[in-house]
Amino acid sequence: MRVVFLDDVEGVARAGEIKNVADGYARNYLLPRKLAAAATTTMVQQAEARAKAIAREQEKVDEAARAVVAKLGDKPLVLKARAGEQGKLFGSVTASDIAAAINKRAKAEVEHRQVLLEAPIKEVGTFEVAVALTRNVRAQVTVAVEAEAD
């Protein structure tokens, strides 16, 4: 069945896209939840208009994210933490700590879920961390973890 997506469906399509999907999937999941509609001429025109509006909004959001990346610059984020003599931390540096440092430097609202940290940092050193600011804008941030002076 050919449908027009009215909303984003994770892993399937974004709003405004026209795709062929299985009949049962469309009838039992997409149509009842109003995630998609049958691809009639009017629905296709409405979806194209909506897709253009969504693209304009996304471009504004991406532009704001690029400004945050510019504010971060190439200088590393320096985080202080208590550490032992071998450089192991008493605790760890988490995605929340990195997000707070980014918010402080860039004066932006970055959530800890946007910081793509595989595992908490548990030692002193310099680390590269990816930050997904929007679906189109990602930044590589250098995080320098230093031992606190007692």
C-alpha atoms as a PDB file:
ATOM      1  CA  MET A   1       0.000   0.000   0.000  1.00  0.00           C
ATOM      2  CA  ARG A   2       1.305   3.450  -0.876  1.00  0.00           C
ATOM      3  CA  VAL A   3       1.136   5.855   2.084  1.00  0.00           C
ATOM      4  CA  VAL A   4       2.159   9.396   2.957  1.00  0.00           C
ATOM      5  CA  PHE A   5       3.840   9.672   6.354  1.00  0.00           C
ATOM      6  CA  LEU A   6       2.293  12.368   8.527  1.00  0.00           C
ATOM      7  CA  ASP A   7       4.796  11.960  11.339  1.00  0.00           C
ATOM      8  CA  ASP A   8       8.288  10.517  11.803  1.00  0.00           C
ATOM      9  CA  VAL A   9       8.342   6.751  12.306  1.00  0.00           C
ATOM     10  CA  GLU A  10      11.680   5.606  13.714  1.00  0.00           C
ATOM     11  CA  GLY A  11      13.583   3.444  11.250  1.00  0.00           C
ATOM     12  CA  VAL A  12      10.869   3.640   8.588  1.00  0.00           C
ATOM     13  CA  ALA A  13      10.332   7.166   7.275  1.00  0.00           C
ATOM     14  CA  ARG A  14      10.187  10.841   8.130  1.00  0.00           C
ATOM     15  CA  ALA A  15       7.166  13.099   7.915  1.00  0.00           C
ATOM     16  CA  GLY A  16       6.237  13.970   4.340  1.00  0.00           C
ATOM     17  CA  GLU A  17       7.803  10.908   2.722  1.00  0.00           C
ATOM     18  CA  ILE A  18       5.776   8.685   0.403  1.00  0.00           C
ATOM     19  CA  LYS A  19       6.545   4.966   0.620  1.00  0.00           C
ATOM     20  CA  ASN A  20       5.129   1.585  -0.210  1.00  0.00           C
ATOM     21  CA  VAL A  21       4.534  -0.465   2.937  1.00  0.00           C
ATOM     22  CA  ALA A  22       2.891  -3.790   3.641  1.00  0.00           C
ATOM     23  CA  ASP A  23      -0.895  -3.616   3.624  1.00  0.00           C
ATOM     24  CA  GLY A  24      -1.230  -5.068   7.127  1.00  0.00           C
ATOM     25  CA  TYR A  25       1.365  -2.670   8.547  1.00  0.00           C
ATOM     26  CA  ALA A  26      -0.496   0.267   7.066  1.00  0.00           C
ATOM     27  CA  ARG A  27      -3.990  -0.896   8.104  1.00  0.00           C
ATOM     28  CA  ASN A  28      -3.115  -2.143  11.585  1.00  0.00           C
ATOM     29  CA  TYR A  29      -0.424   0.266  12.733  1.00  0.00           C
ATOM     30  CA  LEU A  30       0.144   3.397  10.637  1.00  0.00           C
ATOM     31  CA  LEU A  31      -3.400   4.423   9.722  1.00  0.00           C
ATOM     32  CA  PRO A  32      -5.079   3.900  13.157  1.00  0.00           C
ATOM     33  CA  ARG A  33      -2.325   5.878  14.898  1.00  0.00           C
ATOM     34  CA  LYS A  34      -2.518   8.633  12.260  1.00  0.00           C
ATOM     35  CA  LEU A  35       1.177   8.234  11.478  1.00  0.00           C
ATOM     36  CA  ALA A  36       0.361   7.891   7.784  1.00  0.00           C
ATOM     37  CA  ALA A  37      -2.492   8.319   5.326  1.00  0.00           C
ATOM     38  CA  ALA A  38      -3.336   6.724   1.997  1.00  0.00           C
ATOM     39  CA  ALA A  39      -1.389   8.396  -0.826  1.00  0.00           C
ATOM     40  CA  THR A  40      -4.177  10.262  -2.619  1.00  0.00           C
ATOM     41  CA  THR A  41      -3.404  13.298  -4.781  1.00  0.00           C
ATOM     42  CA  THR A  42      -4.530  15.769  -2.106  1.00  0.00           C
ATOM     43  CA  MET A  43      -2.622  13.975   0.662  1.00  0.00           C
ATOM     44  CA  VAL A  44       0.526  13.952  -1.478  1.00  0.00           C
ATOM     45  CA  GLN A  45       0.251  17.712  -2.048  1.00  0.00           C
ATOM     46  CA  GLN A  46      -0.344  18.352   1.658  1.00  0.00           C
ATOM     47  CA  ALA A  47       2.587  16.103   2.569  1.00  0.00           C
ATOM     48  CA  GLU A  48       4.910  17.921   0.163  1.00  0.00           C
ATOM     49  CA  ALA A  49       3.919  21.278   1.655  1.00  0.00           C
ATOM     50  CA  ARG A  50       4.390  19.927   5.169  1.00  0.00           C
ATOM     51  CA  ALA A  51       7.763  18.399   4.257  1.00  0.00           C
ATOM     52  CA  LYS A  52       8.956  21.790   2.970  1.00  0.00           C
ATOM     53  CA  ALA A  53       7.837  23.481   6.196  1.00  0.00           C
ATOM     54  CA  ILE A  54       9.563  20.819   8.288  1.00  0.00           C
ATOM     55  CA  ALA A  55      12.748  21.232   6.222  1.00  0.00           C
ATOM     56  CA  ARG A  56      12.711  25.006   6.833  1.00  0.00           C
ATOM     57  CA  GLU A  57      12.259  24.480  10.586  1.00  0.00           C
ATOM     58  CA  GLN A  58      15.011  21.844  10.638  1.00  0.00           C
ATOM     59  CA  GLU A  59      17.363  24.258   8.833  1.00  0.00           C
ATOM     60  CA  LYS A  60      16.761  26.892  11.536  1.00  0.00           C
ATOM     61  CA  VAL A  61      17.480  24.347  14.260  1.00  0.00           C
ATOM     62  CA  ASP A  62      20.605  23.163  12.407  1.00  0.00           C
ATOM     63  CA  GLU A  63      21.835  26.758  12.065  1.00  0.00           C
ATOM     64  CA  ALA A  64      21.491  27.268  15.820  1.00  0.00           C
ATOM     65  CA  ALA A  65      23.387  24.006  16.396  1.00  0.00           C
ATOM     66  CA  ARG A  66      26.189  25.151  14.077  1.00  0.00           C
ATOM     67  CA  ALA A  67      26.453  28.319  16.163  1.00  0.00           C
ATOM     68  CA  VAL A  68      26.906  26.153  19.271  1.00  0.00           C
ATOM     69  CA  VAL A  69      29.659  24.195  17.493  1.00  0.00           C
ATOM     70  CA  ALA A  70      31.374  27.483  16.609  1.00  0.00           C
ATOM     71  CA  LYS A  71      31.196  28.628  20.258  1.00  0.00           C
ATOM     72  CA  LEU A  72      32.780  25.386  21.412  1.00  0.00           C
ATOM     73  CA  GLY A  73      35.720  25.937  19.066  1.00  0.00           C
ATOM     74  CA  ASP A  74      38.787  23.738  19.079  1.00  0.00           C
ATOM     75  CA  LYS A  75      39.701  24.316  22.714  1.00  0.00           C
ATOM     76  CA  PRO A  76      39.144  21.241  24.889  1.00  0.00           C
ATOM     77  CA  LEU A  77      36.576  21.148  27.674  1.00  0.00           C
ATOM     78  CA  VAL A  78      38.572  20.859  30.882  1.00  0.00           C
ATOM     79  CA  LEU A  79      36.898  18.867  33.648  1.00  0.00           C
ATOM     80  CA  LYS A  80      38.443  18.476  37.077  1.00  0.00           C
ATOM     81  CA  ALA A  81      37.918  15.315  39.112  1.00  0.00           C
ATOM     82  CA  ARG A  82      39.469  13.699  42.167  1.00  0.00           C
ATOM     83  CA  ALA A  83      42.030  11.115  41.105  1.00  0.00           C
ATOM     84  CA  GLY A  84      44.501   8.722  42.660  1.00  0.00           C
ATOM     85  CA  GLU A  85      48.245   8.623  42.048  1.00  0.00           C
ATOM     86  CA  GLN A  86      47.960   6.295  39.011  1.00  0.00           C
ATOM     87  CA  GLY A  87      45.466   8.610  37.299  1.00  0.00           C
ATOM     88  CA  LYS A  88      42.336   6.606  38.121  1.00  0.00           C
ATOM     89  CA  LEU A  89      39.356   8.737  39.103  1.00  0.00           C
ATOM     90  CA  PHE A  90      37.439   8.394  42.358  1.00  0.00           C
ATOM     91  CA  GLY A  91      34.163   8.170  40.486  1.00  0.00           C
ATOM     92  CA  SER A  92      33.769   9.047  36.810  1.00  0.00           C
ATOM     93  CA  VAL A  93      33.041  11.779  34.297  1.00  0.00           C
ATOM     94  CA  THR A  94      29.620  11.117  32.753  1.00  0.00           C
ATOM     95  CA  ALA A  95      27.634  12.422  29.805  1.00  0.00           C
ATOM     96  CA  SER A  96      25.792  14.746  32.225  1.00  0.00           C
ATOM     97  CA  ASP A  97      29.084  16.318  33.325  1.00  0.00           C
ATOM     98  CA  ILE A  98      30.142  16.864  29.715  1.00  0.00           C
ATOM     99  CA  ALA A  99      26.724  18.319  28.792  1.00  0.00           C
ATOM    100  CA  ALA A 100      26.945  20.726  31.740  1.00  0.00           C
ATOM    101  CA  ALA A 101      30.405  21.870  30.597  1.00  0.00           C
ATOM    102  CA  ILE A 102      29.144  22.403  27.048  1.00  0.00           C
ATOM    103  CA  ASN A 103      26.139  24.370  28.341  1.00  0.00           C
ATOM    104  CA  LYS A 104      28.409  26.544  30.451  1.00  0.00           C
ATOM    105  CA  ARG A 105      30.838  27.317  27.615  1.00  0.00           C
ATOM    106  CA  ALA A 106      28.377  27.673  24.721  1.00  0.00           C
ATOM    107  CA  LYS A 107      25.451  29.032  26.766  1.00  0.00           C
ATOM    108  CA  ALA A 108      23.199  26.475  25.070  1.00  0.00           C
ATOM    109  CA  GLU A 109      20.842  23.726  26.139  1.00  0.00           C
ATOM    110  CA  VAL A 110      22.523  20.385  25.464  1.00  0.00           C
ATOM    111  CA  GLU A 111      21.014  17.348  27.154  1.00  0.00           C
ATOM    112  CA  HIS A 112      23.066  14.445  28.449  1.00  0.00           C
ATOM    113  CA  ARG A 113      21.341  12.174  25.893  1.00  0.00           C
ATOM    114  CA  GLN A 114      22.939  14.198  23.100  1.00  0.00           C
ATOM    115  CA  VAL A 115      26.438  13.381  24.385  1.00  0.00           C
ATOM    116  CA  LEU A 116      27.383  10.087  22.730  1.00  0.00           C
ATOM    117  CA  LEU A 117      29.642   8.690  25.439  1.00  0.00           C
ATOM    118  CA  GLU A 118      29.984   4.901  25.254  1.00  0.00           C
ATOM    119  CA  ALA A 119      31.089   4.489  28.868  1.00  0.00           C
ATOM    120  CA  PRO A 120      31.867   6.923  31.694  1.00  0.00           C
ATOM    121  CA  ILE A 121      35.428   8.244  31.716  1.00  0.00           C
ATOM    122  CA  LYS A 122      37.298   6.772  34.689  1.00  0.00           C
ATOM    123  CA  GLU A 123      40.841   8.058  34.230  1.00  0.00           C
ATOM    124  CA  VAL A 124      42.785  11.251  33.693  1.00  0.00           C
ATOM    125  CA  GLY A 125      43.521  12.101  30.072  1.00  0.00           C
ATOM    126  CA  THR A 126      42.194  13.578  26.852  1.00  0.00           C
ATOM    127  CA  PHE A 127      39.217  12.005  25.108  1.00  0.00           C
ATOM    128  CA  GLU A 128      37.258  12.656  21.904  1.00  0.00           C
ATOM    129  CA  VAL A 129      33.496  12.637  22.473  1.00  0.00           C
ATOM    130  CA  ALA A 130      30.800  12.951  19.821  1.00  0.00           C
ATOM    131  CA  VAL A 131      27.821  15.216  20.488  1.00  0.00           C
ATOM    132  CA  ALA A 132      24.646  14.953  18.383  1.00  0.00           C
ATOM    133  CA  LEU A 133      23.216  18.464  18.541  1.00  0.00           C
ATOM    134  CA  THR A 134      20.486  17.754  15.945  1.00  0.00           C
ATOM    135  CA  ARG A 135      19.791  14.899  13.553  1.00  0.00           C
ATOM    136  CA  ASN A 136      21.984  16.646  10.949  1.00  0.00           C
ATOM    137  CA  VAL A 137      24.659  18.343  13.095  1.00  0.00           C
ATOM    138  CA  ARG A 138      27.244  16.424  15.077  1.00  0.00           C
ATOM    139  CA  ALA A 139      30.334  17.777  16.766  1.00  0.00           C
ATOM    140  CA  GLN A 140      33.528  16.188  18.030  1.00  0.00           C
ATOM    141  CA  VAL A 141      34.440  17.651  21.402  1.00  0.00           C
ATOM    142  CA  THR A 142      37.788  17.159  23.095  1.00  0.00           C
ATOM    143  CA  VAL A 143      37.390  16.508  26.822  1.00  0.00           C
ATOM    144  CA  ALA A 144      40.462  16.915  29.005  1.00  0.00           C
ATOM    145  CA  VAL A 145      40.042  15.255  32.405  1.00  0.00           C
ATOM    146  CA  GLU A 146      42.514  16.582  34.949  1.00  0.00           C
ATOM    147  CA  ALA A 147      43.185  15.646  38.542  1.00  0.00           C
ATOM    148  CA  GLU A 148      41.957  18.128  41.141  1.00  0.00           C
ATOM    149  CA  ALA A 149      44.641  19.771  43.231  1.00  0.00           C
ATOM    150  CA  ASP A 150      44.137  18.869  46.877  1.00  0.00           C
END
